[in-house]
Amino acid sequence: MTTCSLLVLAAAVVACAVVSPAAAGPYLCPWRTVAHVDDPFIQSLGKWAVEQSGAALGFDKVESARAQGVGECTSMTRNYDLVIDASNRAGAGGDKYRAVVFVMYMTQPQKLVSFERIPA
C-alpha cells in the first residue's frame, strides 16, 4: 500500500469511530421500580453504599429502589437508585439518603456514583 492509501484508510477509520453509536455513550433504559426491595441483594447494595460514602452513618434499610439497564435493556449491567434509611453512630435515625450505584454483573465491580442526604 502506498502512503496515500494508508492515510485515506486511517481517515476512514477515524470518521467511523466519530459517528459510531458506541462513541455516543451507553444506552440507558427507563427506570423501573424494584418490586422486592427486601431482596438480600438490594439490602446489601444499600449497606455497601453507606459504607462507601465515608459518612459516619449506620445502615438501617433500603426503603425503595429503582433499576435502570445500561446498554441493552436485557443487560445485567444496571444503575440502582436507592432510598436508604440510615442513622448516625450515636443511634439517632430517621434520615434518608439517595444513593446511585452502578453494578456490572459479569465482573462484579460496583461503583458508588452518588450519595446524598434527602432534605426532610
PDB file of N, CA and C in Angstrom:
ATOM      1  N   MET A   1       0.838  -1.188   0.000  1.00  0.00           N
ATOM      2  CA  MET A   1       0.000   0.000   0.000  1.00  0.00           C
ATOM      3  C   MET A   1       0.877   1.242   0.000  1.00  0.00           C
ATOM      4  N   THR A   2       0.399   2.220  -0.689  1.00  0.00           N
ATOM      5  CA  THR A   2       1.151   3.464  -0.729  1.00  0.00           C
ATOM      6  C   THR A   2       0.823   4.306   0.497  1.00  0.00           C
ATOM      7  N   THR A   3       1.619   5.305   0.734  1.00  0.00           N
ATOM      8  CA  THR A   3       1.402   6.205   1.862  1.00  0.00           C
ATOM      9  C   THR A   3       0.051   6.893   1.754  1.00  0.00           C
ATOM     10  N   CYS A   4      -0.334   7.269   0.543  1.00  0.00           N
ATOM     11  CA  CYS A   4      -1.616   7.945   0.321  1.00  0.00           C
ATOM     12  C   CYS A   4      -2.782   7.029   0.683  1.00  0.00           C
ATOM     13  N   SER A   5      -2.682   5.764   0.301  1.00  0.00           N
ATOM     14  CA  SER A   5      -3.740   4.797   0.623  1.00  0.00           C
ATOM     15  C   SER A   5      -3.860   4.597   2.127  1.00  0.00           C
ATOM     16  N   LEU A   6      -2.729   4.538   2.816  1.00  0.00           N
ATOM     17  CA  LEU A   6      -2.751   4.378   4.261  1.00  0.00           C
ATOM     18  C   LEU A   6      -3.386   5.580   4.943  1.00  0.00           C
ATOM     19  N   LEU A   7      -3.109   6.777   4.436  1.00  0.00           N
ATOM     20  CA  LEU A   7      -3.713   7.982   5.005  1.00  0.00           C
ATOM     21  C   LEU A   7      -5.226   7.992   4.802  1.00  0.00           C
ATOM     22  N   VAL A   8      -5.687   7.580   3.643  1.00  0.00           N
ATOM     23  CA  VAL A   8      -7.127   7.522   3.365  1.00  0.00           C
ATOM     24  C   VAL A   8      -7.786   6.483   4.274  1.00  0.00           C
ATOM     25  N   LEU A   9      -7.151   5.341   4.437  1.00  0.00           N
ATOM     26  CA  LEU A   9      -7.683   4.290   5.312  1.00  0.00           C
ATOM     27  C   LEU A   9      -7.747   4.779   6.760  1.00  0.00           C
ATOM     28  N   ALA A  10      -6.716   5.440   7.237  1.00  0.00           N
ATOM     29  CA  ALA A  10      -6.697   5.967   8.603  1.00  0.00           C
ATOM     30  C   ALA A  10      -7.792   7.008   8.795  1.00  0.00           C
ATOM     31  N   ALA A  11      -8.003   7.858   7.811  1.00  0.00           N
ATOM     32  CA  ALA A  11      -9.054   8.879   7.902  1.00  0.00           C
ATOM     33  C   ALA A  11     -10.431   8.228   7.955  1.00  0.00           C
ATOM     34  N   ALA A  12     -10.637   7.167   7.191  1.00  0.00           N
ATOM     35  CA  ALA A  12     -11.923   6.465   7.203  1.00  0.00           C
ATOM     36  C   ALA A  12     -12.184   5.818   8.559  1.00  0.00           C
ATOM     37  N   VAL A  13     -11.167   5.220   9.151  1.00  0.00           N
ATOM     38  CA  VAL A  13     -11.311   4.598  10.470  1.00  0.00           C
ATOM     39  C   VAL A  13     -11.681   5.648  11.508  1.00  0.00           C
ATOM     40  N   VAL A  14     -11.017   6.799  11.493  1.00  0.00           N
ATOM     41  CA  VAL A  14     -11.310   7.876  12.439  1.00  0.00           C
ATOM     42  C   VAL A  14     -12.734   8.379  12.235  1.00  0.00           C
ATOM     43  N   ALA A  15     -13.163   8.549  10.990  1.00  0.00           N
ATOM     44  CA  ALA A  15     -14.516   9.031  10.698  1.00  0.00           C
ATOM     45  C   ALA A  15     -15.563   8.050  11.222  1.00  0.00           C
ATOM     46  N   CYS A  16     -15.351   6.757  11.055  1.00  0.00           N
ATOM     47  CA  CYS A  16     -16.295   5.750  11.553  1.00  0.00           C
ATOM     48  C   CYS A  16     -16.355   5.768  13.071  1.00  0.00           C
ATOM     49  N   ALA A  17     -15.241   5.948  13.710  1.00  0.00           N
ATOM     50  CA  ALA A  17     -15.214   5.974  15.173  1.00  0.00           C
ATOM     51  C   ALA A  17     -15.969   7.177  15.720  1.00  0.00           C
ATOM     52  N   VAL A  18     -15.903   8.303  15.016  1.00  0.00           N
ATOM     53  CA  VAL A  18     -16.568   9.519  15.483  1.00  0.00           C
ATOM     54  C   VAL A  18     -18.081   9.387  15.394  1.00  0.00           C
ATOM     55  N   VAL A  19     -18.614   8.745  14.370  1.00  0.00           N
ATOM     56  CA  VAL A  19     -20.067   8.645  14.206  1.00  0.00           C
ATOM     57  C   VAL A  19     -20.634   7.347  14.760  1.00  0.00           C
ATOM     58  N   SER A  20     -19.819   6.508  15.326  1.00  0.00           N
ATOM     59  CA  SER A  20     -20.271   5.237  15.874  1.00  0.00           C
ATOM     60  C   SER A  20     -21.188   5.444  17.064  1.00  0.00           C
ATOM     61  N   PRO A  21     -22.303   4.658  17.205  1.00  0.00           N
ATOM     62  CA  PRO A  21     -23.174   4.779  18.368  1.00  0.00           C
ATOM     63  C   PRO A  21     -22.447   4.528  19.683  1.00  0.00           C
ATOM     64  N   ALA A  22     -21.447   3.674  19.661  1.00  0.00           N
ATOM     65  CA  ALA A  22     -20.702   3.395  20.892  1.00  0.00           C
ATOM     66  C   ALA A  22     -19.977   4.645  21.381  1.00  0.00           C
ATOM     67  N   ALA A  23     -19.610   5.515  20.466  1.00  0.00           N
ATOM     68  CA  ALA A  23     -18.918   6.731  20.852  1.00  0.00           C
ATOM     69  C   ALA A  23     -19.845   7.709  21.565  1.00  0.00           C
ATOM     70  N   ALA A  24     -21.152   7.537  21.380  1.00  0.00           N
ATOM     71  CA  ALA A  24     -22.117   8.436  21.995  1.00  0.00           C
ATOM     72  C   ALA A  24     -22.380   8.063  23.451  1.00  0.00           C
ATOM     73  N   GLY A  25     -21.808   6.992  23.953  1.00  0.00           N
ATOM     74  CA  GLY A  25     -22.018   6.579  25.334  1.00  0.00           C
ATOM     75  C   GLY A  25     -23.022   5.441  25.414  1.00  0.00           C
ATOM     76  N   PRO A  26     -23.200   4.887  26.610  1.00  0.00           N
ATOM     77  CA  PRO A  26     -24.083   3.732  26.753  1.00  0.00           C
ATOM     78  C   PRO A  26     -25.552   4.129  26.606  1.00  0.00           C
ATOM     79  N   TYR A  27     -26.324   3.202  26.137  1.00  0.00           N
ATOM     80  CA  TYR A  27     -27.769   3.379  26.042  1.00  0.00           C
ATOM     81  C   TYR A  27     -28.370   3.160  27.429  1.00  0.00           C
ATOM     82  N   LEU A  28     -29.211   4.081  27.878  1.00  0.00           N
ATOM     83  CA  LEU A  28     -29.849   3.955  29.189  1.00  0.00           C
ATOM     84  C   LEU A  28     -31.319   3.617  29.005  1.00  0.00           C
ATOM     85  N   CYS A  29     -31.752   2.547  29.631  1.00  0.00           N
ATOM     86  CA  CYS A  29     -33.144   2.127  29.586  1.00  0.00           C
ATOM     87  C   CYS A  29     -33.948   2.939  30.602  1.00  0.00           C
ATOM     88  N   PRO A  30     -35.267   2.869  30.545  1.00  0.00           N
ATOM     89  CA  PRO A  30     -36.083   3.591  31.538  1.00  0.00           C
ATOM     90  C   PRO A  30     -35.881   3.024  32.944  1.00  0.00           C
ATOM     91  N   TRP A  31     -36.060   3.877  33.942  1.00  0.00           N
ATOM     92  CA  TRP A  31     -36.001   3.421  35.334  1.00  0.00           C
ATOM     93  C   TRP A  31     -37.225   2.563  35.621  1.00  0.00           C
ATOM     94  N   ARG A  32     -37.029   1.466  36.345  1.00  0.00           N
ATOM     95  CA  ARG A  32     -38.117   0.565  36.743  1.00  0.00           C
ATOM     96  C   ARG A  32     -38.057   0.363  38.253  1.00  0.00           C
ATOM     97  N   THR A  33     -39.219   0.365  38.884  1.00  0.00           N
ATOM     98  CA  THR A  33     -39.288   0.130  40.323  1.00  0.00           C
ATOM     99  C   THR A  33     -38.892  -1.309  40.634  1.00  0.00           C
ATOM    100  N   VAL A  34     -38.076  -1.493  41.657  1.00  0.00           N
ATOM    101  CA  VAL A  34     -37.704  -2.834  42.113  1.00  0.00           C
ATOM    102  C   VAL A  34     -38.838  -3.324  43.007  1.00  0.00           C
ATOM    103  N   ALA A  35     -39.490  -4.386  42.599  1.00  0.00           N
ATOM    104  CA  ALA A  35     -40.683  -4.870  43.298  1.00  0.00           C
ATOM    105  C   ALA A  35     -40.367  -5.409  44.697  1.00  0.00           C
ATOM    106  N   HIS A  36     -39.270  -6.098  44.823  1.00  0.00           N
ATOM    107  CA  HIS A  36     -38.927  -6.753  46.098  1.00  0.00           C
ATOM    108  C   HIS A  36     -37.729  -6.050  46.727  1.00  0.00           C
ATOM    109  N   VAL A  37     -38.006  -4.898  47.337  1.00  0.00           N
ATOM    110  CA  VAL A  37     -36.939  -4.088  47.917  1.00  0.00           C
ATOM    111  C   VAL A  37     -36.273  -4.811  49.090  1.00  0.00           C
ATOM    112  N   ASP A  38     -36.952  -5.794  49.670  1.00  0.00           N
ATOM    113  CA  ASP A  38     -36.374  -6.547  50.789  1.00  0.00           C
ATOM    114  C   ASP A  38     -35.438  -7.668  50.321  1.00  0.00           C
ATOM    115  N   ASP A  39     -35.238  -7.787  49.022  1.00  0.00           N
ATOM    116  CA  ASP A  39     -34.318  -8.784  48.475  1.00  0.00           C
ATOM    117  C   ASP A  39     -32.934  -8.585  49.088  1.00  0.00           C
ATOM    118  N   PRO A  40     -32.276  -9.658  49.509  1.00  0.00           N
ATOM    119  CA  PRO A  40     -30.951  -9.529  50.141  1.00  0.00           C
ATOM    120  C   PRO A  40     -29.928  -8.783  49.279  1.00  0.00           C
ATOM    121  N   PHE A  41     -29.984  -8.936  47.957  1.00  0.00           N
ATOM    122  CA  PHE A  41     -29.044  -8.227  47.090  1.00  0.00           C
ATOM    123  C   PHE A  41     -29.251  -6.721  47.203  1.00  0.00           C
ATOM    124  N   ILE A  42     -30.497  -6.266  47.163  1.00  0.00           N
ATOM    125  CA  ILE A  42     -30.796  -4.830  47.242  1.00  0.00           C
ATOM    126  C   ILE A  42     -30.374  -4.285  48.603  1.00  0.00           C
ATOM    127  N   GLN A  43     -30.680  -5.016  49.675  1.00  0.00           N
ATOM    128  CA  GLN A  43     -30.303  -4.568  51.014  1.00  0.00           C
ATOM    129  C   GLN A  43     -28.778  -4.507  51.164  1.00  0.00           C
ATOM    130  N   SER A  44     -28.078  -5.498  50.621  1.00  0.00           N
ATOM    131  CA  SER A  44     -26.610  -5.485  50.732  1.00  0.00           C
ATOM    132  C   SER A  44     -26.011  -4.359  49.887  1.00  0.00           C
ATOM    133  N   LEU A  45     -26.638  -4.035  48.773  1.00  0.00           N
ATOM    134  CA  LEU A  45     -26.180  -2.920  47.950  1.00  0.00           C
ATOM    135  C   LEU A  45     -26.333  -1.601  48.711  1.00  0.00           C
ATOM    136  N   GLY A  46     -27.440  -1.446  49.439  1.00  0.00           N
ATOM    137  CA  GLY A  46     -27.644  -0.245  50.249  1.00  0.00           C
ATOM    138  C   GLY A  46     -26.626  -0.142  51.369  1.00  0.00           C
ATOM    139  N   LYS A  47     -26.366  -1.247  52.032  1.00  0.00           N
ATOM    140  CA  LYS A  47     -25.374  -1.258  53.112  1.00  0.00           C
ATOM    141  C   LYS A  47     -23.991  -0.905  52.560  1.00  0.00           C
ATOM    142  N   TRP A  48     -23.648  -1.482  51.431  1.00  0.00           N
ATOM    143  CA  TRP A  48     -22.361  -1.193  50.792  1.00  0.00           C
ATOM    144  C   TRP A  48     -22.249   0.288  50.450  1.00  0.00           C
ATOM    145  N   ALA A  49     -23.352   0.886  49.933  1.00  0.00           N
ATOM    146  CA  ALA A  49     -23.342   2.306  49.564  1.00  0.00           C
ATOM    147  C   ALA A  49     -23.084   3.187  50.784  1.00  0.00           C
ATOM    148  N   VAL A  50     -23.715   2.865  51.921  1.00  0.00           N
ATOM    149  CA  VAL A  50     -23.493   3.640  53.148  1.00  0.00           C
ATOM    150  C   VAL A  50     -22.033   3.523  53.579  1.00  0.00           C
ATOM    151  N   GLU A  51     -21.478   2.323  53.532  1.00  0.00           N
ATOM    152  CA  GLU A  51     -20.079   2.111  53.920  1.00  0.00           C
ATOM    153  C   GLU A  51     -19.129   2.878  52.998  1.00  0.00           C
ATOM    154  N   GLN A  52     -19.418   2.881  51.701  1.00  0.00           N
ATOM    155  CA  GLN A  52     -18.553   3.540  50.730  1.00  0.00           C
ATOM    156  C   GLN A  52     -18.659   5.058  50.768  1.00  0.00           C
ATOM    157  N   SER A  53     -19.756   5.578  51.325  1.00  0.00           N
ATOM    158  CA  SER A  53     -19.978   7.031  51.321  1.00  0.00           C
ATOM    159  C   SER A  53     -18.970   7.773  52.184  1.00  0.00           C
ATOM    160  N   GLY A  54     -18.415   7.092  53.174  1.00  0.00           N
ATOM    161  CA  GLY A  54     -17.477   7.734  54.078  1.00  0.00           C
ATOM    162  C   GLY A  54     -18.153   8.537  55.178  1.00  0.00           C
ATOM    163  N   ALA A  55     -19.470   8.598  55.171  1.00  0.00           N
ATOM    164  CA  ALA A  55     -20.219   9.323  56.208  1.00  0.00           C
ATOM    165  C   ALA A  55     -20.281   8.463  57.467  1.00  0.00           C
ATOM    166  N   ALA A  56     -20.362   9.118  58.612  1.00  0.00           N
ATOM    167  CA  ALA A  56     -20.452   8.395  59.895  1.00  0.00           C
ATOM    168  C   ALA A  56     -21.898   7.968  60.114  1.00  0.00           C
ATOM    169  N   LEU A  57     -22.330   6.989  59.324  1.00  0.00           N
ATOM    170  CA  LEU A  57     -23.715   6.520  59.357  1.00  0.00           C
ATOM    171  C   LEU A  57     -23.766   5.023  59.556  1.00  0.00           C
ATOM    172  N   GLY A  58     -24.863   4.572  60.133  1.00  0.00           N
ATOM    173  CA  GLY A  58     -25.150   3.158  60.232  1.00  0.00           C
ATOM    174  C   GLY A  58     -26.309   2.829  59.309  1.00  0.00           C
ATOM    175  N   PHE A  59     -26.193   1.762  58.565  1.00  0.00           N
ATOM    176  CA  PHE A  59     -27.242   1.342  57.634  1.00  0.00           C
ATOM    177  C   PHE A  59     -28.417   0.769  58.411  1.00  0.00           C
ATOM    178  N   ASP A  60     -29.638   1.220  58.081  1.00  0.00           N
ATOM    179  CA  ASP A  60     -30.849   0.635  58.658  1.00  0.00           C
ATOM    180  C   ASP A  60     -31.536  -0.262  57.634  1.00  0.00           C
ATOM    181  N   LYS A  61     -31.943   0.312  56.489  1.00  0.00           N
ATOM    182  CA  LYS A  61     -32.573  -0.487  55.437  1.00  0.00           C
ATOM    183  C   LYS A  61     -32.707   0.334  54.168  1.00  0.00           C
ATOM    184  N   VAL A  62     -32.902  -0.365  53.051  1.00  0.00           N
ATOM    185  CA  VAL A  62     -33.263   0.286  51.797  1.00  0.00           C
ATOM    186  C   VAL A  62     -34.783   0.374  51.805  1.00  0.00           C
ATOM    187  N   GLU A  63     -35.283   1.590  51.678  1.00  0.00           N
ATOM    188  CA  GLU A  63     -36.727   1.820  51.724  1.00  0.00           C
ATOM    189  C   GLU A  63     -37.383   1.626  50.355  1.00  0.00           C
ATOM    190  N   SER A  64     -36.719   2.092  49.309  1.00  0.00           N
ATOM    191  CA  SER A  64     -37.241   1.911  47.958  1.00  0.00           C
ATOM    192  C   SER A  64     -36.063   1.849  46.989  1.00  0.00           C
ATOM    193  N   ALA A  65     -36.333   1.270  45.825  1.00  0.00           N
ATOM    194  CA  ALA A  65     -35.261   1.104  44.847  1.00  0.00           C
ATOM    195  C   ALA A  65     -35.834   1.110  43.434  1.00  0.00           C
ATOM    196  N   ARG A  66     -35.013   1.642  42.529  1.00  0.00           N
ATOM    197  CA  ARG A  66     -35.318   1.578  41.100  1.00  0.00           C
ATOM    198  C   ARG A  66     -34.074   1.062  40.393  1.00  0.00           C
ATOM    199  N   ALA A  67     -34.283   0.403  39.266  1.00  0.00           N
ATOM    200  CA  ALA A  67     -33.169  -0.124  38.478  1.00  0.00           C
ATOM    201  C   ALA A  67     -33.283   0.396  37.053  1.00  0.00           C
ATOM    202  N   GLN A  68     -32.122   0.589  36.430  1.00  0.00           N
ATOM    203  CA  GLN A  68     -32.056   1.075  35.060  1.00  0.00           C
ATOM    204  C   GLN A  68     -31.010   0.267  34.315  1.00  0.00           C
ATOM    205  N   GLY A  69     -31.430  -0.398  33.255  1.00  0.00           N
ATOM    206  CA  GLY A  69     -30.488  -1.137  32.434  1.00  0.00           C
ATOM    207  C   GLY A  69     -29.546  -0.193  31.717  1.00  0.00           C
ATOM    208  N   VAL A  70     -28.302  -0.613  31.576  1.00  0.00           N
ATOM    209  CA  VAL A  70     -27.286   0.163  30.860  1.00  0.00           C
ATOM    210  C   VAL A  70     -26.817  -0.697  29.702  1.00  0.00           C
ATOM    211  N   GLY A  71     -26.862  -0.159  28.518  1.00  0.00           N
ATOM    212  CA  GLY A  71     -26.555  -0.950  27.331  1.00  0.00           C
ATOM    213  C   GLY A  71     -27.856  -1.492  26.792  1.00  0.00           C
ATOM    214  N   GLU A  72     -27.907  -2.747  26.447  1.00  0.00           N
ATOM    215  CA  GLU A  72     -29.161  -3.346  26.012  1.00  0.00           C
ATOM    216  C   GLU A  72     -30.076  -3.470  27.224  1.00  0.00           C
ATOM    217  N   CYS A  73     -31.369  -3.281  27.018  1.00  0.00           N
ATOM    218  CA  CYS A  73     -32.306  -3.310  28.150  1.00  0.00           C
ATOM    219  C   CYS A  73     -32.377  -4.681  28.816  1.00  0.00           C
ATOM    220  N   THR A  74     -31.945  -5.717  28.119  1.00  0.00           N
ATOM    221  CA  THR A  74     -31.921  -7.047  28.719  1.00  0.00           C
ATOM    222  C   THR A  74     -30.600  -7.315  29.432  1.00  0.00           C
ATOM    223  N   SER A  75     -29.718  -6.348  29.400  1.00  0.00           N
ATOM    224  CA  SER A  75     -28.398  -6.486  30.004  1.00  0.00           C
ATOM    225  C   SER A  75     -28.497  -6.610  31.515  1.00  0.00           C
ATOM    226  N   MET A  76     -27.527  -7.252  32.113  1.00  0.00           N
ATOM    227  CA  MET A  76     -27.473  -7.362  33.572  1.00  0.00           C
ATOM    228  C   MET A  76     -26.610  -6.253  34.174  1.00  0.00           C
ATOM    229  N   THR A  77     -26.166  -5.324  33.359  1.00  0.00           N
ATOM    230  CA  THR A  77     -25.434  -4.162  33.851  1.00  0.00           C
ATOM    231  C   THR A  77     -26.464  -3.089  34.165  1.00  0.00           C
ATOM    232  N   ARG A  78     -26.464  -2.601  35.408  1.00  0.00           N
ATOM    233  CA  ARG A  78     -27.535  -1.707  35.845  1.00  0.00           C
ATOM    234  C   ARG A  78     -27.034  -0.585  36.740  1.00  0.00           C
ATOM    235  N   ASN A  79     -27.813   0.486  36.726  1.00  0.00           N
ATOM    236  CA  ASN A  79     -27.737   1.530  37.741  1.00  0.00           C
ATOM    237  C   ASN A  79     -28.858   1.244  38.732  1.00  0.00           C
ATOM    238  N   TYR A  80     -28.579   1.419  40.000  1.00  0.00           N
ATOM    239  CA  TYR A  80     -29.609   1.288  41.036  1.00  0.00           C
ATOM    240  C   TYR A  80     -29.726   2.628  41.747  1.00  0.00           C
ATOM    241  N   ASP A  81     -30.957   3.102  41.872  1.00  0.00           N
ATOM    242  CA  ASP A  81     -31.271   4.331  42.594  1.00  0.00           C
ATOM    243  C   ASP A  81     -31.957   3.890  43.885  1.00  0.00           C
ATOM    244  N   LEU A  82     -31.265   4.066  44.998  1.00  0.00           N
ATOM    245  CA  LEU A  82     -31.740   3.551  46.291  1.00  0.00           C
ATOM    246  C   LEU A  82     -32.093   4.694  47.233  1.00  0.00           C
ATOM    247  N   VAL A  83     -33.223   4.568  47.925  1.00  0.00           N
ATOM    248  CA  VAL A  83     -33.547   5.467  49.031  1.00  0.00           C
ATOM    249  C   VAL A  83     -33.280   4.655  50.293  1.00  0.00           C
ATOM    250  N   ILE A  84     -32.341   5.159  51.100  1.00  0.00           N
ATOM    251  CA  ILE A  84     -31.809   4.412  52.245  1.00  0.00           C
ATOM    252  C   ILE A  84     -32.150   5.121  53.546  1.00  0.00           C
ATOM    253  N   ASP A  85     -32.642   4.355  54.529  1.00  0.00           N
ATOM    254  CA  ASP A  85     -32.787   4.853  55.901  1.00  0.00           C
ATOM    255  C   ASP A  85     -31.470   4.582  56.601  1.00  0.00           C
ATOM    256  N   ALA A  86     -30.907   5.610  57.233  1.00  0.00           N
ATOM    257  CA  ALA A  86     -29.638   5.455  57.941  1.00  0.00           C
ATOM    258  C   ALA A  86     -29.676   6.274  59.218  1.00  0.00           C
ATOM    259  N   SER A  87     -28.862   5.863  60.162  1.00  0.00           N
ATOM    260  CA  SER A  87     -28.772   6.577  61.436  1.00  0.00           C
ATOM    261  C   SER A  87     -27.319   6.927  61.702  1.00  0.00           C
ATOM    262  N   ASN A  88     -27.120   7.967  62.529  1.00  0.00           N
ATOM    263  CA  ASN A  88     -25.734   8.309  62.859  1.00  0.00           C
ATOM    264  C   ASN A  88     -25.207   7.301  63.874  1.00  0.00           C
ATOM    265  N   ARG A  89     -23.943   7.345  64.136  1.00  0.00           N
ATOM    266  CA  ARG A  89     -23.313   6.353  65.023  1.00  0.00           C
ATOM    267  C   ARG A  89     -23.850   6.408  66.452  1.00  0.00           C
ATOM    268  N   ALA A  90     -24.433   7.564  66.848  1.00  0.00           N
ATOM    269  CA  ALA A  90     -24.997   7.698  68.199  1.00  0.00           C
ATOM    270  C   ALA A  90     -26.385   7.063  68.280  1.00  0.00           C
ATOM    271  N   GLY A  91     -26.907   6.593  67.154  1.00  0.00           N
ATOM    272  CA  GLY A  91     -28.194   5.914  67.162  1.00  0.00           C
ATOM    273  C   GLY A  91     -29.365   6.769  66.741  1.00  0.00           C
ATOM    274  N   ALA A  92     -29.146   8.072  66.565  1.00  0.00           N
ATOM    275  CA  ALA A  92     -30.239   8.922  66.101  1.00  0.00           C
ATOM    276  C   ALA A  92     -30.483   8.622  64.630  1.00  0.00           C
ATOM    277  N   GLY A  93     -31.707   8.300  64.296  1.00  0.00           N
ATOM    278  CA  GLY A  93     -32.001   7.891  62.929  1.00  0.00           C
ATOM    279  C   GLY A  93     -33.090   8.726  62.297  1.00  0.00           C
ATOM    280  N   GLY A  94     -33.672   8.168  61.291  1.00  0.00           N
ATOM    281  CA  GLY A  94     -34.756   8.829  60.603  1.00  0.00           C
ATOM    282  C   GLY A  94     -34.338   9.609  59.374  1.00  0.00           C
ATOM    283  N   ASP A  95     -33.041   9.729  59.125  1.00  0.00           N
ATOM    284  CA  ASP A  95     -32.597  10.445  57.933  1.00  0.00           C
ATOM    285  C   ASP A  95     -32.632   9.507  56.730  1.00  0.00           C
ATOM    286  N   LYS A  96     -32.934  10.093  55.581  1.00  0.00           N
ATOM    287  CA  LYS A  96     -32.979   9.325  54.344  1.00  0.00           C
ATOM    288  C   LYS A  96     -31.891   9.845  53.404  1.00  0.00           C
ATOM    289  N   TYR A  97     -31.323   8.927  52.670  1.00  0.00           N
ATOM    290  CA  TYR A  97     -30.251   9.230  51.738  1.00  0.00           C
ATOM    291  C   TYR A  97     -30.558   8.592  50.400  1.00  0.00           C
ATOM    292  N   ARG A  98     -30.119   9.245  49.336  1.00  0.00           N
ATOM    293  CA  ARG A  98     -30.259   8.688  47.988  1.00  0.00           C
ATOM    294  C   ARG A  98     -28.872   8.284  47.513  1.00  0.00           C
ATOM    295  N   ALA A  99     -28.775   7.043  47.073  1.00  0.00           N
ATOM    296  CA  ALA A  99     -27.519   6.539  46.524  1.00  0.00           C
ATOM    297  C   ALA A  99     -27.780   6.003  45.123  1.00  0.00           C
ATOM    298  N   VAL A 100     -26.884   6.292  44.215  1.00  0.00           N
ATOM    299  CA  VAL A 100     -26.924   5.686  42.891  1.00  0.00           C
ATOM    300  C   VAL A 100     -25.676   4.817  42.775  1.00  0.00           C
ATOM    301  N   VAL A 101     -25.906   3.545  42.466  1.00  0.00           N
ATOM    302  CA  VAL A 101     -24.823   2.564  42.392  1.00  0.00           C
ATOM    303  C   VAL A 101     -24.852   1.914  41.012  1.00  0.00           C
ATOM    304  N   PHE A 102     -23.692   1.856  40.371  1.00  0.00           N
ATOM    305  CA  PHE A 102     -23.531   1.177  39.083  1.00  0.00           C
ATOM    306  C   PHE A 102     -23.014  -0.230  39.359  1.00  0.00           C
ATOM    307  N   VAL A 103     -23.686  -1.238  38.785  1.00  0.00           N
ATOM    308  CA  VAL A 103     -23.303  -2.637  39.007  1.00  0.00           C
ATOM    309  C   VAL A 103     -23.159  -3.326  37.658  1.00  0.00           C
ATOM    310  N   MET A 104     -21.997  -3.958  37.448  1.00  0.00           N
ATOM    311  CA  MET A 104     -21.771  -4.764  36.261  1.00  0.00           C
ATOM    312  C   MET A 104     -21.690  -6.218  36.725  1.00  0.00           C
ATOM    313  N   TYR A 105     -22.691  -7.019  36.371  1.00  0.00           N
ATOM    314  CA  TYR A 105     -22.822  -8.360  36.936  1.00  0.00           C
ATOM    315  C   TYR A 105     -21.745  -9.348  36.527  1.00  0.00           C
ATOM    316  N   MET A 106     -21.268  -9.287  35.320  1.00  0.00           N
ATOM    317  CA  MET A 106     -20.332 -10.322  34.877  1.00  0.00           C
ATOM    318  C   MET A 106     -19.011 -10.265  35.640  1.00  0.00           C
ATOM    319  N   THR A 107     -18.564  -9.082  36.006  1.00  0.00           N
ATOM    320  CA  THR A 107     -17.283  -8.967  36.689  1.00  0.00           C
ATOM    321  C   THR A 107     -17.433  -8.466  38.119  1.00  0.00           C
ATOM    322  N   GLN A 108     -18.642  -8.108  38.522  1.00  0.00           N
ATOM    323  CA  GLN A 108     -18.983  -7.675  39.867  1.00  0.00           C
ATOM    324  C   GLN A 108     -18.344  -6.395  40.391  1.00  0.00           C
ATOM    325  N   PRO A 109     -17.805  -5.524  39.550  1.00  0.00           N
ATOM    326  CA  PRO A 109     -17.380  -4.263  40.161  1.00  0.00           C
ATOM    327  C   PRO A 109     -18.620  -3.418  40.439  1.00  0.00           C
ATOM    328  N   GLN A 110     -18.600  -2.727  41.532  1.00  0.00           N
ATOM    329  CA  GLN A 110     -19.671  -1.801  41.873  1.00  0.00           C
ATOM    330  C   GLN A 110     -19.031  -0.434  42.009  1.00  0.00           C
ATOM    331  N   LYS A 111     -19.770   0.589  41.638  1.00  0.00           N
ATOM    332  CA  LYS A 111     -19.257   1.946  41.758  1.00  0.00           C
ATOM    333  C   LYS A 111     -20.341   2.814  42.370  1.00  0.00           C
ATOM    334  N   LEU A 112     -19.988   3.521  43.443  1.00  0.00           N
ATOM    335  CA  LEU A 112     -20.907   4.468  44.049  1.00  0.00           C
ATOM    336  C   LEU A 112     -20.852   5.737  43.210  1.00  0.00           C
ATOM    337  N   VAL A 113     -21.922   6.005  42.483  1.00  0.00           N
ATOM    338  CA  VAL A 113     -21.971   7.160  41.590  1.00  0.00           C
ATOM    339  C   VAL A 113     -22.292   8.419  42.381  1.00  0.00           C
ATOM    340  N   SER A 114     -23.249   8.325  43.311  1.00  0.00           N
ATOM    341  CA  SER A 114     -23.594   9.475  44.143  1.00  0.00           C
ATOM    342  C   SER A 114     -24.214   9.008  45.448  1.00  0.00           C
ATOM    343  N   PHE A 115     -24.094   9.864  46.465  1.00  0.00           N
ATOM    344  CA  PHE A 115     -24.666   9.592  47.787  1.00  0.00           C
ATOM    345  C   PHE A 115     -24.966  10.933  48.421  1.00  0.00           C
ATOM    346  N   GLU A 116     -26.245  11.191  48.721  1.00  0.00           N
ATOM    347  CA  GLU A 116     -26.603  12.489  49.290  1.00  0.00           C
ATOM    348  C   GLU A 116     -27.806  12.360  50.196  1.00  0.00           C
ATOM    349  N   ARG A 117     -27.858  13.242  51.180  1.00  0.00           N
ATOM    350  CA  ARG A 117     -28.983  13.284  52.111  1.00  0.00           C
ATOM    351  C   ARG A 117     -30.181  13.869  51.409  1.00  0.00           C
ATOM    352  N   ILE A 118     -31.346  13.275  51.653  1.00  0.00           N
ATOM    353  CA  ILE A 118     -32.595  13.791  51.117  1.00  0.00           C
ATOM    354  C   ILE A 118     -33.157  14.764  52.139  1.00  0.00           C
ATOM    355  N   PRO A 119     -33.321  16.024  51.763  1.00  0.00           N
ATOM    356  CA  PRO A 119     -33.852  17.001  52.731  1.00  0.00           C
ATOM    357  C   PRO A 119     -35.230  16.580  53.242  1.00  0.00           C
ATOM    358  N   ALA A 120     -35.461  16.829  54.549  1.00  0.00           N
ATOM    359  CA  ALA A 120     -36.742  16.446  55.155  1.00  0.00           C
ATOM    360  C   ALA A 120     -37.867  17.338  54.689  1.00  0.00           C
TER     361      ALA A 120
END
